[in-house]
Amino acid sequence: MHPTTGVAPDGQPAESDVLLCAHHLRRSAAALEACDARVYDRFGDPIDELGKVFLHDR
């Protein structure tokens, strides 16, 4: 999986919002952590450790 980075008009990387269901968040956790992505829950609170969000991994 390769993270996608948007580009602002000035050529600098831009932030993008991506909505993921629990299944896809779980499957993408390693890639999100590898690219130092910021992840928030549905209330807007940061999720610091994705591994603690789920009771089990697949």
Protein backbone atom coordinates (compact mmCIF):
# COMPACT_ATOMS: atom_id res chain seq x y z
CA MET A 1 0.00 0.00 0.00
CA HIS A 2 1.33 3.42 -0.93
CA PRO A 3 -0.03 6.44 0.90
CA THR A 4 -1.48 9.13 -1.32
CA THR A 5 -0.36 12.69 -0.76
CA GLY A 6 -2.25 15.60 -2.20
CA VAL A 7 -0.34 18.58 -3.56
CA ALA A 8 -1.30 22.19 -2.87
CA PRO A 9 -1.06 24.84 -5.62
CA ASP A 10 2.35 25.91 -4.26
CA GLY A 11 3.69 22.36 -4.77
CA GLN A 12 3.81 21.48 -1.07
CA PRO A 13 2.18 18.30 0.30
CA ALA A 14 -1.42 18.90 1.36
CA GLU A 15 -3.57 17.19 3.96
CA SER A 16 -6.52 15.08 2.86
CA ASP A 17 -9.43 13.67 4.81
CA VAL A 18 -10.14 9.99 4.25
CA LEU A 19 -13.08 8.22 5.87
CA LEU A 20 -12.51 4.53 6.65
CA CYS A 21 -14.82 1.91 8.09
CA ALA A 22 -13.42 -0.13 10.98
CA HIS A 23 -12.43 -3.01 8.68
CA HIS A 24 -10.39 -0.79 6.36
CA LEU A 25 -8.89 1.18 9.24
CA ARG A 26 -7.73 -2.09 10.82
CA ARG A 27 -6.30 -3.34 7.50
CA SER A 28 -4.55 0.02 6.89
CA ALA A 29 -3.23 0.58 10.42
CA ALA A 30 0.39 -0.38 9.66
CA ALA A 31 0.53 1.83 6.56
CA LEU A 32 -1.08 4.75 8.39
CA GLU A 33 1.41 4.45 11.23
CA ALA A 34 4.33 4.11 8.77
CA CYS A 35 3.48 7.42 7.10
CA ASP A 36 2.79 9.12 10.45
CA ALA A 37 -0.84 9.82 9.54
CA ARG A 38 -3.08 11.54 12.07
CA VAL A 39 -6.20 9.46 12.78
CA TYR A 40 -9.32 10.70 14.55
CA ASP A 41 -12.43 8.94 15.79
CA ARG A 42 -15.94 9.98 14.78
CA PHE A 43 -16.02 12.57 17.58
CA GLY A 44 -12.85 14.27 16.33
CA ASP A 45 -10.65 12.93 19.11
CA PRO A 46 -7.18 11.70 18.08
CA ILE A 47 -6.45 7.98 18.08
CA ASP A 48 -2.83 7.69 19.17
CA GLU A 49 -2.39 3.92 19.03
CA LEU A 50 -4.36 2.19 16.29
CA GLY A 51 -3.53 -1.24 17.69
CA LYS A 52 -5.53 -0.49 20.84
CA VAL A 53 -8.69 0.40 18.90
CA PHE A 54 -9.44 -3.18 17.91
CA LEU A 55 -9.79 -6.23 20.09
CA HIS A 56 -8.20 -8.55 17.53
CA ASP A 57 -6.20 -8.44 14.32
CA ARG A 58 -6.75 -10.43 11.20
